[in-house]
Amino acid sequence: MERAFNRLKQWRGIATRYDKYALTFLGGVLLAATIMTTRTASRN
């Protein structure tokens, strides 16, 4: 779990994001997590 948070923090758009709405920020986090998940799934 800690590795996932560290990978997510490497995304500059997520780490330095200051959105007006929390829902917009959550959408960006979910998008980044989905991309990371599909990339790791395709390697196996």
PDB file of N, CA and C in Angstrom:
ATOM      1  N   MET A   1       0.817  -1.189   0.000  1.00  0.00           N
ATOM      2  CA  MET A   1       0.000   0.000   0.000  1.00  0.00           C
ATOM      3  C   MET A   1       0.864   1.256   0.000  1.00  0.00           C
ATOM      4  N   GLU A   2       1.941   1.203   0.749  1.00  0.00           N
ATOM      5  CA  GLU A   2       2.819   2.369   0.812  1.00  0.00           C
ATOM      6  C   GLU A   2       3.465   2.649  -0.538  1.00  0.00           C
ATOM      7  N   ARG A   3       3.790   1.604  -1.277  1.00  0.00           N
ATOM      8  CA  ARG A   3       4.362   1.789  -2.611  1.00  0.00           C
ATOM      9  C   ARG A   3       3.379   2.471  -3.550  1.00  0.00           C
ATOM     10  N   ALA A   4       2.121   2.118  -3.414  1.00  0.00           N
ATOM     11  CA  ALA A   4       1.097   2.743  -4.262  1.00  0.00           C
ATOM     12  C   ALA A   4       1.017   4.239  -3.994  1.00  0.00           C
ATOM     13  N   PHE A   5       1.064   4.646  -2.734  1.00  0.00           N
ATOM     14  CA  PHE A   5       1.032   6.070  -2.416  1.00  0.00           C
ATOM     15  C   PHE A   5       2.277   6.773  -2.940  1.00  0.00           C
ATOM     16  N   ASN A   6       3.422   6.126  -2.853  1.00  0.00           N
ATOM     17  CA  ASN A   6       4.648   6.741  -3.360  1.00  0.00           C
ATOM     18  C   ASN A   6       4.598   6.891  -4.869  1.00  0.00           C
ATOM     19  N   ARG A   7       4.058   5.910  -5.563  1.00  0.00           N
ATOM     20  CA  ARG A   7       3.918   6.028  -7.019  1.00  0.00           C
ATOM     21  C   ARG A   7       2.936   7.128  -7.377  1.00  0.00           C
ATOM     22  N   LEU A   8       1.883   7.241  -6.605  1.00  0.00           N
ATOM     23  CA  LEU A   8       0.895   8.274  -6.869  1.00  0.00           C
ATOM     24  C   LEU A   8       1.489   9.661  -6.642  1.00  0.00           C
ATOM     25  N   LYS A   9       2.360   9.804  -5.658  1.00  0.00           N
ATOM     26  CA  LYS A   9       2.985  11.095  -5.385  1.00  0.00           C
ATOM     27  C   LYS A   9       3.961  11.497  -6.480  1.00  0.00           C
ATOM     28  N   GLN A  10       4.426  10.540  -7.280  1.00  0.00           N
ATOM     29  CA  GLN A  10       5.344  10.857  -8.370  1.00  0.00           C
ATOM     30  C   GLN A  10       4.634  11.558  -9.516  1.00  0.00           C
ATOM     31  N   TRP A  11       3.326  11.429  -9.582  1.00  0.00           N
ATOM     32  CA  TRP A  11       2.563  12.126 -10.615  1.00  0.00           C
ATOM     33  C   TRP A  11       2.520  13.604 -10.252  1.00  0.00           C
ATOM     34  N   ARG A  12       3.189  14.428 -10.994  1.00  0.00           N
ATOM     35  CA  ARG A  12       3.273  15.851 -10.670  1.00  0.00           C
ATOM     36  C   ARG A  12       1.894  16.503 -10.661  1.00  0.00           C
ATOM     37  N   GLY A  13       1.038  16.118 -11.558  1.00  0.00           N
ATOM     38  CA  GLY A  13      -0.300  16.695 -11.615  1.00  0.00           C
ATOM     39  C   GLY A  13      -1.124  16.412 -10.382  1.00  0.00           C
ATOM     40  N   ILE A  14      -0.872  15.285  -9.737  1.00  0.00           N
ATOM     41  CA  ILE A  14      -1.605  14.936  -8.525  1.00  0.00           C
ATOM     42  C   ILE A  14      -0.929  15.545  -7.300  1.00  0.00           C
ATOM     43  N   ALA A  15       0.384  15.489  -7.261  1.00  0.00           N
ATOM     44  CA  ALA A  15       1.120  15.953  -6.081  1.00  0.00           C
ATOM     45  C   ALA A  15       1.001  17.458  -5.883  1.00  0.00           C
ATOM     46  N   THR A  16       0.910  18.217  -6.977  1.00  0.00           N
ATOM     47  CA  THR A  16       0.877  19.674  -6.862  1.00  0.00           C
ATOM     48  C   THR A  16      -0.471  20.241  -7.278  1.00  0.00           C
ATOM     49  N   ARG A  17      -1.505  19.490  -7.082  1.00  0.00           N
ATOM     50  CA  ARG A  17      -2.821  19.894  -7.571  1.00  0.00           C
ATOM     51  C   ARG A  17      -3.580  20.673  -6.509  1.00  0.00           C
ATOM     52  N   TYR A  18      -4.094  21.802  -6.899  1.00  0.00           N
ATOM     53  CA  TYR A  18      -4.901  22.634  -6.014  1.00  0.00           C
ATOM     54  C   TYR A  18      -6.219  22.925  -6.719  1.00  0.00           C
ATOM     55  N   ASP A  19      -7.134  21.989  -6.644  1.00  0.00           N
ATOM     56  CA  ASP A  19      -8.419  22.147  -7.305  1.00  0.00           C
ATOM     57  C   ASP A  19      -9.407  22.862  -6.407  1.00  0.00           C
ATOM     58  N   LYS A  20     -10.363  23.474  -7.044  1.00  0.00           N
ATOM     59  CA  LYS A  20     -11.394  24.178  -6.294  1.00  0.00           C
ATOM     60  C   LYS A  20     -12.325  23.188  -5.606  1.00  0.00           C
ATOM     61  N   TYR A  21     -12.567  22.074  -6.257  1.00  0.00           N
ATOM     62  CA  TYR A  21     -13.492  21.077  -5.723  1.00  0.00           C
ATOM     63  C   TYR A  21     -12.777  19.777  -5.411  1.00  0.00           C
ATOM     64  N   ALA A  22     -13.136  19.162  -4.302  1.00  0.00           N
ATOM     65  CA  ALA A  22     -12.525  17.891  -3.911  1.00  0.00           C
ATOM     66  C   ALA A  22     -12.880  16.789  -4.889  1.00  0.00           C
ATOM     67  N   LEU A  23     -14.049  16.881  -5.493  1.00  0.00           N
ATOM     68  CA  LEU A  23     -14.477  15.854  -6.451  1.00  0.00           C
ATOM     69  C   LEU A  23     -13.578  15.840  -7.689  1.00  0.00           C
ATOM     70  N   THR A  24     -13.132  17.002  -8.118  1.00  0.00           N
ATOM     71  CA  THR A  24     -12.219  17.083  -9.253  1.00  0.00           C
ATOM     72  C   THR A  24     -10.876  16.450  -8.914  1.00  0.00           C
ATOM     73  N   PHE A  25     -10.381  16.726  -7.717  1.00  0.00           N
ATOM     74  CA  PHE A  25      -9.125  16.126  -7.268  1.00  0.00           C
ATOM     75  C   PHE A  25      -9.255  14.612  -7.181  1.00  0.00           C
ATOM     76  N   LEU A  26     -10.383  14.137  -6.640  1.00  0.00           N
ATOM     77  CA  LEU A  26     -10.615  12.701  -6.533  1.00  0.00           C
ATOM     78  C   LEU A  26     -10.645  12.054  -7.915  1.00  0.00           C
ATOM     79  N   GLY A  27     -11.222  12.725  -8.882  1.00  0.00           N
ATOM     80  CA  GLY A  27     -11.237  12.203 -10.247  1.00  0.00           C
ATOM     81  C   GLY A  27      -9.836  12.041 -10.803  1.00  0.00           C
ATOM     82  N   GLY A  28      -8.969  13.019 -10.541  1.00  0.00           N
ATOM     83  CA  GLY A  28      -7.578  12.920 -10.995  1.00  0.00           C
ATOM     84  C   GLY A  28      -6.839  11.784 -10.319  1.00  0.00           C
ATOM     85  N   VAL A  29      -7.086  11.603  -9.038  1.00  0.00           N
ATOM     86  CA  VAL A  29      -6.444  10.508  -8.292  1.00  0.00           C
ATOM     87  C   VAL A  29      -6.928   9.165  -8.825  1.00  0.00           C
ATOM     88  N   LEU A  30      -8.213   9.043  -9.067  1.00  0.00           N
ATOM     89  CA  LEU A  30      -8.752   7.778  -9.581  1.00  0.00           C
ATOM     90  C   LEU A  30      -8.241   7.482 -10.985  1.00  0.00           C
ATOM     91  N   LEU A  31      -8.116   8.500 -11.803  1.00  0.00           N
ATOM     92  CA  LEU A  31      -7.576   8.311 -13.145  1.00  0.00           C
ATOM     93  C   LEU A  31      -6.131   7.831 -13.091  1.00  0.00           C
ATOM     94  N   ALA A  32      -5.320   8.465 -12.258  1.00  0.00           N
ATOM     95  CA  ALA A  32      -3.923   8.054 -12.126  1.00  0.00           C
ATOM     96  C   ALA A  32      -3.821   6.634 -11.568  1.00  0.00           C
ATOM     97  N   ALA A  33      -4.658   6.301 -10.582  1.00  0.00           N
ATOM     98  CA  ALA A  33      -4.632   4.954 -10.011  1.00  0.00           C
ATOM     99  C   ALA A  33      -5.055   3.912 -11.037  1.00  0.00           C
ATOM    100  N   THR A  34      -6.024   4.242 -11.868  1.00  0.00           N
ATOM    101  CA  THR A  34      -6.470   3.312 -12.910  1.00  0.00           C
ATOM    102  C   THR A  34      -5.367   3.073 -13.925  1.00  0.00           C
ATOM    103  N   ILE A  35      -4.687   4.118 -14.323  1.00  0.00           N
ATOM    104  CA  ILE A  35      -3.585   3.977 -15.291  1.00  0.00           C
ATOM    105  C   ILE A  35      -2.460   3.143 -14.686  1.00  0.00           C
ATOM    106  N   MET A  36      -2.123   3.408 -13.420  1.00  0.00           N
ATOM    107  CA  MET A  36      -1.066   2.618 -12.773  1.00  0.00           C
ATOM    108  C   MET A  36      -1.462   1.152 -12.661  1.00  0.00           C
ATOM    109  N   THR A  37      -2.713   0.891 -12.363  1.00  0.00           N
ATOM    110  CA  THR A  37      -3.188  -0.482 -12.218  1.00  0.00           C
ATOM    111  C   THR A  37      -3.126  -1.233 -13.549  1.00  0.00           C
ATOM    112  N   THR A  38      -3.556  -0.576 -14.630  1.00  0.00           N
ATOM    113  CA  THR A  38      -3.525  -1.252 -15.921  1.00  0.00           C
ATOM    114  C   THR A  38      -2.104  -1.469 -16.416  1.00  0.00           C
ATOM    115  N   ARG A  39      -1.209  -0.553 -16.097  1.00  0.00           N
ATOM    116  CA  ARG A  39       0.190  -0.747 -16.517  1.00  0.00           C
ATOM    117  C   ARG A  39       0.828  -1.919 -15.782  1.00  0.00           C
ATOM    118  N   THR A  40       0.566  -2.039 -14.478  1.00  0.00           N
ATOM    119  CA  THR A  40       1.155  -3.150 -13.733  1.00  0.00           C
ATOM    120  C   THR A  40       0.486  -4.468 -14.094  1.00  0.00           C
ATOM    121  N   ALA A  41      -0.789  -4.447 -14.436  1.00  0.00           N
ATOM    122  CA  ALA A  41      -1.494  -5.664 -14.815  1.00  0.00           C
ATOM    123  C   ALA A  41      -1.008  -6.175 -16.163  1.00  0.00           C
ATOM    124  N   SER A  42      -0.642  -5.266 -17.066  1.00  0.00           N
ATOM    125  CA  SER A  42      -0.193  -5.683 -18.387  1.00  0.00           C
ATOM    126  C   SER A  42       1.223  -6.252 -18.340  1.00  0.00           C
ATOM    127  N   ARG A  43       1.984  -5.935 -17.315  1.00  0.00           N
ATOM    128  CA  ARG A  43       3.350  -6.477 -17.187  1.00  0.00           C
ATOM    129  C   ARG A  43       3.335  -7.921 -16.742  1.00  0.00           C
ATOM    130  N   ASN A  44       2.308  -8.320 -16.016  1.00  0.00           N
ATOM    131  CA  ASN A  44       2.261  -9.691 -15.480  1.00  0.00           C
ATOM    132  C   ASN A  44       1.687 -10.617 -16.450  1.00  0.00           C
TER     133      ASN A  44
END
